[in-house]
Amino acid sequence: VLCLLAADNEEDVALQIHFTLIQAFCCENHINIVRVSNMRRLAEILGGVKPGGEPVDLHCVLLTNPQSSLMKDPALSTVSGFCRESRFLDQWVPVVHLPDR
């Protein structure tokens, strides 16, 4: 399981409080967390942008692999390793910067 937290505006106090609660929940339940900058780009990657419109709300995305018991997903395993390494470096919520296209 992986939790993506996406935000471009660090000054939104309500969103930061929301993220703090989500991060606490994820840490208590051993869910990997990655913070993503550039929410518009994330929406494009995930197909959440309507033509000519604003992206849908993707501030918090939870990724799961329903087939995890049958076969391990190599992409999720790689991200999980990245999160584990970040925790060893005392960076509990690593940040991934998505470039514009």
PDB file of N, CA and C in Angstrom:
ATOM      1  N   VAL A   1       0.856  -1.172   0.000  1.00  0.00           N
ATOM      2  CA  VAL A   1       0.000   0.000   0.000  1.00  0.00           C
ATOM      3  C   VAL A   1       0.901   1.232   0.000  1.00  0.00           C
ATOM      4  N   LEU A   2       0.507   2.232  -0.765  1.00  0.00           N
ATOM      5  CA  LEU A   2       1.266   3.471  -0.877  1.00  0.00           C
ATOM      6  C   LEU A   2       0.310   4.647  -0.845  1.00  0.00           C
ATOM      7  N   CYS A   3       0.650   5.666  -0.074  1.00  0.00           N
ATOM      8  CA  CYS A   3      -0.148   6.886   0.011  1.00  0.00           C
ATOM      9  C   CYS A   3       0.617   8.014  -0.664  1.00  0.00           C
ATOM     10  N   LEU A   4       0.003   8.640  -1.674  1.00  0.00           N
ATOM     11  CA  LEU A   4       0.576   9.805  -2.339  1.00  0.00           C
ATOM     12  C   LEU A   4      -0.131  11.049  -1.827  1.00  0.00           C
ATOM     13  N   LEU A   5       0.636  12.003  -1.341  1.00  0.00           N
ATOM     14  CA  LEU A   5       0.089  13.283  -0.901  1.00  0.00           C
ATOM     15  C   LEU A   5       0.593  14.339  -1.870  1.00  0.00           C
ATOM     16  N   ALA A   6      -0.317  14.977  -2.569  1.00  0.00           N
ATOM     17  CA  ALA A   6       0.063  15.954  -3.589  1.00  0.00           C
ATOM     18  C   ALA A   6      -0.384  17.349  -3.197  1.00  0.00           C
ATOM     19  N   ALA A   7       0.557  18.281  -3.236  1.00  0.00           N
ATOM     20  CA  ALA A   7       0.217  19.671  -2.919  1.00  0.00           C
ATOM     21  C   ALA A   7       1.199  20.601  -3.596  1.00  0.00           C
ATOM     22  N   ASP A   8       0.685  21.672  -4.147  1.00  0.00           N
ATOM     23  CA  ASP A   8       1.524  22.709  -4.728  1.00  0.00           C
ATOM     24  C   ASP A   8       1.597  23.912  -3.804  1.00  0.00           C
ATOM     25  N   ASN A   9       0.546  24.128  -3.026  1.00  0.00           N
ATOM     26  CA  ASN A   9       0.463  25.302  -2.163  1.00  0.00           C
ATOM     27  C   ASN A   9       0.769  24.900  -0.724  1.00  0.00           C
ATOM     28  N   GLU A  10       1.993  25.163  -0.290  1.00  0.00           N
ATOM     29  CA  GLU A  10       2.402  24.810   1.072  1.00  0.00           C
ATOM     30  C   GLU A  10       1.780  25.738   2.110  1.00  0.00           C
ATOM     31  N   GLU A  11       1.164  26.830   1.677  1.00  0.00           N
ATOM     32  CA  GLU A  11       0.620  27.813   2.610  1.00  0.00           C
ATOM     33  C   GLU A  11      -0.820  27.518   3.018  1.00  0.00           C
ATOM     34  N   ASP A  12      -1.422  26.493   2.481  1.00  0.00           N
ATOM     35  CA  ASP A  12      -2.798  26.131   2.820  1.00  0.00           C
ATOM     36  C   ASP A  12      -2.782  25.400   4.163  1.00  0.00           C
ATOM     37  N   VAL A  13      -3.099  26.115   5.231  1.00  0.00           N
ATOM     38  CA  VAL A  13      -3.003  25.574   6.587  1.00  0.00           C
ATOM     39  C   VAL A  13      -3.937  24.385   6.784  1.00  0.00           C
ATOM     40  N   ALA A  14      -5.161  24.487   6.291  1.00  0.00           N
ATOM     41  CA  ALA A  14      -6.127  23.390   6.455  1.00  0.00           C
ATOM     42  C   ALA A  14      -5.618  22.118   5.774  1.00  0.00           C
ATOM     43  N   LEU A  15      -5.040  22.263   4.590  1.00  0.00           N
ATOM     44  CA  LEU A  15      -4.511  21.102   3.873  1.00  0.00           C
ATOM     45  C   LEU A  15      -3.322  20.504   4.620  1.00  0.00           C
ATOM     46  N   GLN A  16      -2.473  21.339   5.201  1.00  0.00           N
ATOM     47  CA  GLN A  16      -1.327  20.837   5.952  1.00  0.00           C
ATOM     48  C   GLN A  16      -1.768  20.080   7.209  1.00  0.00           C
ATOM     49  N   ILE A  17      -2.812  20.544   7.878  1.00  0.00           N
ATOM     50  CA  ILE A  17      -3.363  19.823   9.035  1.00  0.00           C
ATOM     51  C   ILE A  17      -3.917  18.477   8.587  1.00  0.00           C
ATOM     52  N   HIS A  18      -4.630  18.482   7.477  1.00  0.00           N
ATOM     53  CA  HIS A  18      -5.183  17.251   6.900  1.00  0.00           C
ATOM     54  C   HIS A  18      -4.044  16.266   6.600  1.00  0.00           C
ATOM     55  N   PHE A  19      -2.977  16.751   5.979  1.00  0.00           N
ATOM     56  CA  PHE A  19      -1.834  15.895   5.655  1.00  0.00           C
ATOM     57  C   PHE A  19      -1.174  15.344   6.916  1.00  0.00           C
ATOM     58  N   THR A  20      -1.083  16.150   7.960  1.00  0.00           N
ATOM     59  CA  THR A  20      -0.477  15.694   9.212  1.00  0.00           C
ATOM     60  C   THR A  20      -1.260  14.522   9.792  1.00  0.00           C
ATOM     61  N   LEU A  21      -2.575  14.614   9.762  1.00  0.00           N
ATOM     62  CA  LEU A  21      -3.415  13.518  10.266  1.00  0.00           C
ATOM     63  C   LEU A  21      -3.267  12.269   9.404  1.00  0.00           C
ATOM     64  N   ILE A  22      -3.233  12.446   8.094  1.00  0.00           N
ATOM     65  CA  ILE A  22      -3.055  11.302   7.189  1.00  0.00           C
ATOM     66  C   ILE A  22      -1.689  10.657   7.422  1.00  0.00           C
ATOM     67  N   GLN A  23      -0.652  11.469   7.559  1.00  0.00           N
ATOM     68  CA  GLN A  23       0.689  10.935   7.786  1.00  0.00           C
ATOM     69  C   GLN A  23       0.757  10.145   9.085  1.00  0.00           C
ATOM     70  N   ALA A  24       0.119  10.643  10.138  1.00  0.00           N
ATOM     71  CA  ALA A  24       0.102   9.922  11.415  1.00  0.00           C
ATOM     72  C   ALA A  24      -0.595   8.573  11.260  1.00  0.00           C
ATOM     73  N   PHE A  25      -1.729   8.567  10.559  1.00  0.00           N
ATOM     74  CA  PHE A  25      -2.453   7.317  10.326  1.00  0.00           C
ATOM     75  C   PHE A  25      -1.587   6.334   9.547  1.00  0.00           C
ATOM     76  N   CYS A  26      -0.944   6.822   8.485  1.00  0.00           N
ATOM     77  CA  CYS A  26      -0.120   5.950   7.651  1.00  0.00           C
ATOM     78  C   CYS A  26       1.057   5.379   8.435  1.00  0.00           C
ATOM     79  N   CYS A  27       1.704   6.200   9.245  1.00  0.00           N
ATOM     80  CA  CYS A  27       2.832   5.718  10.045  1.00  0.00           C
ATOM     81  C   CYS A  27       2.393   4.650  11.039  1.00  0.00           C
ATOM     82  N   GLU A  28       1.254   4.855  11.680  1.00  0.00           N
ATOM     83  CA  GLU A  28       0.753   3.878  12.650  1.00  0.00           C
ATOM     84  C   GLU A  28       0.364   2.562  11.990  1.00  0.00           C
ATOM     85  N   ASN A  29      -0.020   2.617  10.723  1.00  0.00           N
ATOM     86  CA  ASN A  29      -0.484   1.418  10.024  1.00  0.00           C
ATOM     87  C   ASN A  29       0.522   0.900   8.997  1.00  0.00           C
ATOM     88  N   HIS A  30       1.768   1.359   9.090  1.00  0.00           N
ATOM     89  CA  HIS A  30       2.866   0.899   8.231  1.00  0.00           C
ATOM     90  C   HIS A  30       2.546   1.051   6.743  1.00  0.00           C
ATOM     91  N   ILE A  31       1.984   2.195   6.394  1.00  0.00           N
ATOM     92  CA  ILE A  31       1.684   2.520   4.998  1.00  0.00           C
ATOM     93  C   ILE A  31       2.747   3.499   4.518  1.00  0.00           C
ATOM     94  N   ASN A  32       3.406   3.174   3.415  1.00  0.00           N
ATOM     95  CA  ASN A  32       4.415   4.064   2.855  1.00  0.00           C
ATOM     96  C   ASN A  32       3.762   5.346   2.359  1.00  0.00           C
ATOM     97  N   ILE A  33       4.471   6.464   2.540  1.00  0.00           N
ATOM     98  CA  ILE A  33       3.961   7.777   2.136  1.00  0.00           C
ATOM     99  C   ILE A  33       4.996   8.450   1.245  1.00  0.00           C
ATOM    100  N   VAL A  34       4.527   9.063   0.167  1.00  0.00           N
ATOM    101  CA  VAL A  34       5.382   9.884  -0.690  1.00  0.00           C
ATOM    102  C   VAL A  34       4.648  11.185  -0.953  1.00  0.00           C
ATOM    103  N   ARG A  35       5.346  12.282  -0.764  1.00  0.00           N
ATOM    104  CA  ARG A  35       4.781  13.600  -1.064  1.00  0.00           C
ATOM    105  C   ARG A  35       5.152  13.941  -2.504  1.00  0.00           C
ATOM    106  N   VAL A  36       4.199  14.418  -3.271  1.00  0.00           N
ATOM    107  CA  VAL A  36       4.414  14.715  -4.685  1.00  0.00           C
ATOM    108  C   VAL A  36       4.115  16.187  -4.937  1.00  0.00           C
ATOM    109  N   SER A  37       5.054  16.858  -5.592  1.00  0.00           N
ATOM    110  CA  SER A  37       4.792  18.236  -6.002  1.00  0.00           C
ATOM    111  C   SER A  37       4.163  18.201  -7.394  1.00  0.00           C
ATOM    112  N   ASN A  38       3.558  19.279  -7.814  1.00  0.00           N
ATOM    113  CA  ASN A  38       2.952  19.415  -9.133  1.00  0.00           C
ATOM    114  C   ASN A  38       1.724  18.508  -9.283  1.00  0.00           C
ATOM    115  N   MET A  39       0.673  18.872  -8.573  1.00  0.00           N
ATOM    116  CA  MET A  39      -0.555  18.079  -8.595  1.00  0.00           C
ATOM    117  C   MET A  39      -1.160  17.992  -9.992  1.00  0.00           C
ATOM    118  N   ARG A  40      -1.025  19.048 -10.799  1.00  0.00           N
ATOM    119  CA  ARG A  40      -1.569  19.020 -12.155  1.00  0.00           C
ATOM    120  C   ARG A  40      -0.900  17.915 -12.979  1.00  0.00           C
ATOM    121  N   ARG A  41       0.412  17.781 -12.845  1.00  0.00           N
ATOM    122  CA  ARG A  41       1.136  16.736 -13.584  1.00  0.00           C
ATOM    123  C   ARG A  41       0.725  15.353 -13.085  1.00  0.00           C
ATOM    124  N   LEU A  42       0.557  15.199 -11.782  1.00  0.00           N
ATOM    125  CA  LEU A  42       0.097  13.923 -11.232  1.00  0.00           C
ATOM    126  C   LEU A  42      -1.269  13.573 -11.804  1.00  0.00           C
ATOM    127  N   ALA A  43      -2.147  14.554 -11.893  1.00  0.00           N
ATOM    128  CA  ALA A  43      -3.481  14.319 -12.460  1.00  0.00           C
ATOM    129  C   ALA A  43      -3.381  13.895 -13.922  1.00  0.00           C
ATOM    130  N   GLU A  44      -2.459  14.497 -14.671  1.00  0.00           N
ATOM    131  CA  GLU A  44      -2.267  14.099 -16.069  1.00  0.00           C
ATOM    132  C   GLU A  44      -1.807  12.646 -16.156  1.00  0.00           C
ATOM    133  N   ILE A  45      -0.865  12.273 -15.299  1.00  0.00           N
ATOM    134  CA  ILE A  45      -0.338  10.907 -15.308  1.00  0.00           C
ATOM    135  C   ILE A  45      -1.433   9.904 -14.965  1.00  0.00           C
ATOM    136  N   LEU A  46      -2.270  10.249 -13.995  1.00  0.00           N
ATOM    137  CA  LEU A  46      -3.318   9.329 -13.545  1.00  0.00           C
ATOM    138  C   LEU A  46      -4.618   9.463 -14.330  1.00  0.00           C
ATOM    139  N   GLY A  47      -4.649  10.352 -15.311  1.00  0.00           N
ATOM    140  CA  GLY A  47      -5.850  10.513 -16.130  1.00  0.00           C
ATOM    141  C   GLY A  47      -6.956  11.276 -15.445  1.00  0.00           C
ATOM    142  N   GLY A  48      -6.609  12.168 -14.537  1.00  0.00           N
ATOM    143  CA  GLY A  48      -7.622  12.898 -13.782  1.00  0.00           C
ATOM    144  C   GLY A  48      -7.826  14.333 -14.223  1.00  0.00           C
ATOM    145  N   VAL A  49      -7.454  14.660 -15.463  1.00  0.00           N
ATOM    146  CA  VAL A  49      -7.659  16.018 -15.966  1.00  0.00           C
ATOM    147  C   VAL A  49      -8.708  15.971 -17.065  1.00  0.00           C
ATOM    148  N   LYS A  50      -9.763  16.740 -16.872  1.00  0.00           N
ATOM    149  CA  LYS A  50     -10.791  16.822 -17.905  1.00  0.00           C
ATOM    150  C   LYS A  50     -10.304  17.791 -18.977  1.00  0.00           C
ATOM    151  N   PRO A  51     -10.561  17.509 -20.256  1.00  0.00           N
ATOM    152  CA  PRO A  51     -10.091  18.393 -21.318  1.00  0.00           C
ATOM    153  C   PRO A  51     -10.541  19.835 -21.082  1.00  0.00           C
ATOM    154  N   GLY A  52      -9.566  20.746 -21.054  1.00  0.00           N
ATOM    155  CA  GLY A  52      -9.859  22.159 -20.864  1.00  0.00           C
ATOM    156  C   GLY A  52     -10.276  22.534 -19.462  1.00  0.00           C
ATOM    157  N   GLY A  53     -10.158  21.623 -18.519  1.00  0.00           N
ATOM    158  CA  GLY A  53     -10.623  21.905 -17.164  1.00  0.00           C
ATOM    159  C   GLY A  53      -9.546  21.747 -16.124  1.00  0.00           C
ATOM    160  N   GLU A  54      -9.960  21.928 -14.916  1.00  0.00           N
ATOM    161  CA  GLU A  54      -9.073  21.768 -13.772  1.00  0.00           C
ATOM    162  C   GLU A  54      -8.919  20.280 -13.450  1.00  0.00           C
ATOM    163  N   PRO A  55      -7.794  19.900 -12.832  1.00  0.00           N
ATOM    164  CA  PRO A  55      -7.637  18.506 -12.432  1.00  0.00           C
ATOM    165  C   PRO A  55      -8.601  18.162 -11.300  1.00  0.00           C
ATOM    166  N   VAL A  56      -8.985  16.898 -11.238  1.00  0.00           N
ATOM    167  CA  VAL A  56      -9.822  16.456 -10.129  1.00  0.00           C
ATOM    168  C   VAL A  56      -8.978  16.489  -8.851  1.00  0.00           C
ATOM    169  N   ASP A  57      -9.626  16.425  -7.704  1.00  0.00           N
ATOM    170  CA  ASP A  57      -8.920  16.507  -6.429  1.00  0.00           C
ATOM    171  C   ASP A  57      -8.116  15.230  -6.195  1.00  0.00           C
ATOM    172  N   LEU A  58      -6.816  15.348  -6.297  1.00  0.00           N
ATOM    173  CA  LEU A  58      -5.922  14.217  -6.064  1.00  0.00           C
ATOM    174  C   LEU A  58      -4.924  14.541  -4.953  1.00  0.00           C
ATOM    175  N   HIS A  59      -5.372  15.275  -3.944  1.00  0.00           N
ATOM    176  CA  HIS A  59      -4.473  15.626  -2.849  1.00  0.00           C
ATOM    177  C   HIS A  59      -3.993  14.391  -2.097  1.00  0.00           C
ATOM    178  N   CYS A  60      -4.828  13.373  -2.022  1.00  0.00           N
ATOM    179  CA  CYS A  60      -4.449  12.135  -1.347  1.00  0.00           C
ATOM    180  C   CYS A  60      -4.901  10.963  -2.209  1.00  0.00           C
ATOM    181  N   VAL A  61      -3.930  10.144  -2.614  1.00  0.00           N
ATOM    182  CA  VAL A  61      -4.221   8.976  -3.448  1.00  0.00           C
ATOM    183  C   VAL A  61      -3.649   7.757  -2.739  1.00  0.00           C
ATOM    184  N   LEU A  62      -4.462   6.737  -2.564  1.00  0.00           N
ATOM    185  CA  LEU A  62      -4.021   5.501  -1.932  1.00  0.00           C
ATOM    186  C   LEU A  62      -3.920   4.425  -3.003  1.00  0.00           C
ATOM    187  N   LEU A  63      -2.719   3.880  -3.187  1.00  0.00           N
ATOM    188  CA  LEU A  63      -2.485   2.842  -4.186  1.00  0.00           C
ATOM    189  C   LEU A  63      -2.375   1.493  -3.499  1.00  0.00           C
ATOM    190  N   THR A  64      -3.089   0.537  -4.023  1.00  0.00           N
ATOM    191  CA  THR A  64      -3.004  -0.823  -3.499  1.00  0.00           C
ATOM    192  C   THR A  64      -2.800  -1.784  -4.655  1.00  0.00           C
ATOM    193  N   ASN A  65      -2.353  -2.967  -4.337  1.00  0.00           N
ATOM    194  CA  ASN A  65      -2.175  -4.010  -5.333  1.00  0.00           C
ATOM    195  C   ASN A  65      -3.027  -5.198  -4.913  1.00  0.00           C
ATOM    196  N   PRO A  66      -4.218  -5.350  -5.503  1.00  0.00           N
ATOM    197  CA  PRO A  66      -5.098  -6.443  -5.086  1.00  0.00           C
ATOM    198  C   PRO A  66      -4.513  -7.819  -5.386  1.00  0.00           C
ATOM    199  N   GLN A  67      -3.545  -7.885  -6.273  1.00  0.00           N
ATOM    200  CA  GLN A  67      -2.942  -9.167  -6.630  1.00  0.00           C
ATOM    201  C   GLN A  67      -1.672  -9.445  -5.836  1.00  0.00           C
ATOM    202  N   SER A  68      -1.468  -8.728  -4.734  1.00  0.00           N
ATOM    203  CA  SER A  68      -0.202  -8.828  -4.001  1.00  0.00           C
ATOM    204  C   SER A  68       0.087 -10.242  -3.512  1.00  0.00           C
ATOM    205  N   SER A  69      -0.947 -11.020  -3.234  1.00  0.00           N
ATOM    206  CA  SER A  69      -0.693 -12.378  -2.767  1.00  0.00           C
ATOM    207  C   SER A  69      -0.262 -13.286  -3.915  1.00  0.00           C
ATOM    208  N   LEU A  70      -0.662 -12.957  -5.139  1.00  0.00           N
ATOM    209  CA  LEU A  70      -0.308 -13.792  -6.280  1.00  0.00           C
ATOM    210  C   LEU A  70       1.062 -13.435  -6.850  1.00  0.00           C
ATOM    211  N   MET A  71       1.322 -12.147  -6.979  1.00  0.00           N
ATOM    212  CA  MET A  71       2.569 -11.725  -7.595  1.00  0.00           C
ATOM    213  C   MET A  71       2.919 -10.325  -7.096  1.00  0.00           C
ATOM    214  N   LYS A  72       4.137 -10.132  -6.682  1.00  0.00           N
ATOM    215  CA  LYS A  72       4.566  -8.834  -6.175  1.00  0.00           C
ATOM    216  C   LYS A  72       4.771  -7.872  -7.343  1.00  0.00           C
ATOM    217  N   ASP A  73       4.248  -6.667  -7.207  1.00  0.00           N
ATOM    218  CA  ASP A  73       4.388  -5.647  -8.241  1.00  0.00           C
ATOM    219  C   ASP A  73       5.778  -5.026  -8.119  1.00  0.00           C
ATOM    220  N   PRO A  74       6.616  -5.132  -9.159  1.00  0.00           N
ATOM    221  CA  PRO A  74       7.977  -4.598  -9.049  1.00  0.00           C
ATOM    222  C   PRO A  74       8.015  -3.080  -8.862  1.00  0.00           C
ATOM    223  N   ALA A  75       7.063  -2.357  -9.435  1.00  0.00           N
ATOM    224  CA  ALA A  75       7.043  -0.897  -9.285  1.00  0.00           C
ATOM    225  C   ALA A  75       6.756  -0.513  -7.834  1.00  0.00           C
ATOM    226  N   LEU A  76       5.752  -1.144  -7.225  1.00  0.00           N
ATOM    227  CA  LEU A  76       5.445  -0.846  -5.819  1.00  0.00           C
ATOM    228  C   LEU A  76       6.583  -1.290  -4.903  1.00  0.00           C
ATOM    229  N   SER A  77       7.258  -2.377  -5.267  1.00  0.00           N
ATOM    230  CA  SER A  77       8.401  -2.832  -4.472  1.00  0.00           C
ATOM    231  C   SER A  77       9.535  -1.814  -4.516  1.00  0.00           C
ATOM    232  N   THR A  78       9.768  -1.225  -5.691  1.00  0.00           N
ATOM    233  CA  THR A  78      10.809  -0.210  -5.836  1.00  0.00           C
ATOM    234  C   THR A  78      10.482   1.020  -5.002  1.00  0.00           C
ATOM    235  N   VAL A  79       9.238   1.475  -5.075  1.00  0.00           N
ATOM    236  CA  VAL A  79       8.826   2.646  -4.294  1.00  0.00           C
ATOM    237  C   VAL A  79       8.894   2.336  -2.803  1.00  0.00           C
ATOM    238  N   SER A  80       8.518   1.139  -2.428  1.00  0.00           N
ATOM    239  CA  SER A  80       8.589   0.736  -1.024  1.00  0.00           C
ATOM    240  C   SER A  80      10.034   0.778  -0.528  1.00  0.00           C
ATOM    241  N   GLY A  81      10.964   0.311  -1.354  1.00  0.00           N
ATOM    242  CA  GLY A  81      12.383   0.376  -1.003  1.00  0.00           C
ATOM    243  C   GLY A  81      12.867   1.809  -0.852  1.00  0.00           C
ATOM    244  N   PHE A  82      12.405   2.682  -1.748  1.00  0.00           N
ATOM    245  CA  PHE A  82      12.749   4.107  -1.678  1.00  0.00           C
ATOM    246  C   PHE A  82      12.247   4.709  -0.365  1.00  0.00           C
ATOM    247  N   CYS A  83      11.026   4.383   0.017  1.00  0.00           N
ATOM    248  CA  CYS A  83      10.455   4.895   1.273  1.00  0.00           C
ATOM    249  C   CYS A  83      11.236   4.375   2.474  1.00  0.00           C
ATOM    250  N   ARG A  84      11.596   3.103   2.434  1.00  0.00           N
ATOM    251  CA  ARG A  84      12.350   2.497   3.536  1.00  0.00           C
ATOM    252  C   ARG A  84      13.721   3.183   3.679  1.00  0.00           C
ATOM    253  N   GLU A  85      14.414   3.398   2.549  1.00  0.00           N
ATOM    254  CA  GLU A  85      15.714   4.078   2.587  1.00  0.00           C
ATOM    255  C   GLU A  85      15.573   5.503   3.117  1.00  0.00           C
ATOM    256  N   SER A  86      14.503   6.180   2.729  1.00  0.00           N
ATOM    257  CA  SER A  86      14.273   7.550   3.200  1.00  0.00           C
ATOM    258  C   SER A  86      14.069   7.582   4.709  1.00  0.00           C
ATOM    259  N   ARG A  87      13.342   6.596   5.238  1.00  0.00           N
ATOM    260  CA  ARG A  87      13.136   6.534   6.691  1.00  0.00           C
ATOM    261  C   ARG A  87      14.458   6.318   7.425  1.00  0.00           C
ATOM    262  N   PHE A  88      15.348   5.493   6.855  1.00  0.00           N
ATOM    263  CA  PHE A  88      16.656   5.283   7.473  1.00  0.00           C
ATOM    264  C   PHE A  88      17.457   6.579   7.525  1.00  0.00           C
ATOM    265  N   LEU A  89      17.182   7.490   6.593  1.00  0.00           N
ATOM    266  CA  LEU A  89      17.862   8.788   6.552  1.00  0.00           C
ATOM    267  C   LEU A  89      17.080   9.856   7.313  1.00  0.00           C
ATOM    268  N   ASP A  90      16.098   9.431   8.113  1.00  0.00           N
ATOM    269  CA  ASP A  90      15.235  10.322   8.901  1.00  0.00           C
ATOM    270  C   ASP A  90      14.415  11.277   8.050  1.00  0.00           C
ATOM    271  N   GLN A  91      14.113  10.872   6.834  1.00  0.00           N
ATOM    272  CA  GLN A  91      13.188  11.629   5.991  1.00  0.00           C
ATOM    273  C   GLN A  91      11.927  10.772   5.900  1.00  0.00           C
ATOM    274  N   TRP A  92      11.006  10.986   6.832  1.00  0.00           N
ATOM    275  CA  TRP A  92       9.844  10.113   6.964  1.00  0.00           C
ATOM    276  C   TRP A  92       8.873  10.234   5.807  1.00  0.00           C
ATOM    277  N   VAL A  93       8.805  11.399   5.195  1.00  0.00           N
ATOM    278  CA  VAL A  93       7.918  11.582   4.044  1.00  0.00           C
ATOM    279  C   VAL A  93       8.757  12.148   2.899  1.00  0.00           C
ATOM    280  N   PRO A  94       9.306  11.259   2.060  1.00  0.00           N
ATOM    281  CA  PRO A  94      10.120  11.751   0.950  1.00  0.00           C
ATOM    282  C   PRO A  94       9.272  12.535  -0.049  1.00  0.00           C
ATOM    283  N   VAL A  95       9.925  13.462  -0.741  1.00  0.00           N
ATOM    284  CA  VAL A  95       9.237  14.306  -1.717  1.00  0.00           C
ATOM    285  C   VAL A  95       9.746  13.969  -3.109  1.00  0.00           C
ATOM    286  N   VAL A  96       8.815  13.774  -4.030  1.00  0.00           N
ATOM    287  CA  VAL A  96       9.142  13.545  -5.436  1.00  0.00           C
ATOM    288  C   VAL A  96       8.622  14.736  -6.218  1.00  0.00           C
ATOM    289  N   HIS A  97       9.515  15.376  -6.978  1.00  0.00           N
ATOM    290  CA  HIS A  97       9.140  16.544  -7.775  1.00  0.00           C
ATOM    291  C   HIS A  97       8.837  16.095  -9.202  1.00  0.00           C
ATOM    292  N   LEU A  98       7.602  16.267  -9.622  1.00  0.00           N
ATOM    293  CA  LEU A  98       7.206  15.910 -10.982  1.00  0.00           C
ATOM    294  C   LEU A  98       7.399  17.120 -11.895  1.00  0.00           C
ATOM    295  N   PRO A  99       8.200  16.981 -12.947  1.00  0.00           N
ATOM    296  CA  PRO A  99       8.409  18.115 -13.853  1.00  0.00           C
ATOM    297  C   PRO A  99       7.202  18.327 -14.757  1.00  0.00           C
ATOM    298  N   ASP A 100       7.039  19.570 -15.209  1.00  0.00           N
ATOM    299  CA  ASP A 100       5.993  19.865 -16.192  1.00  0.00           C
ATOM    300  C   ASP A 100       6.377  19.229 -17.517  1.00  0.00           C
ATOM    301  N   ARG A 101       5.378  19.030 -18.344  1.00  0.00           N
ATOM    302  CA  ARG A 101       5.658  18.511 -19.689  1.00  0.00           C
ATOM    303  C   ARG A 101       5.893  19.626 -20.626  1.00  0.00           C
TER     304      ARG A 101
END
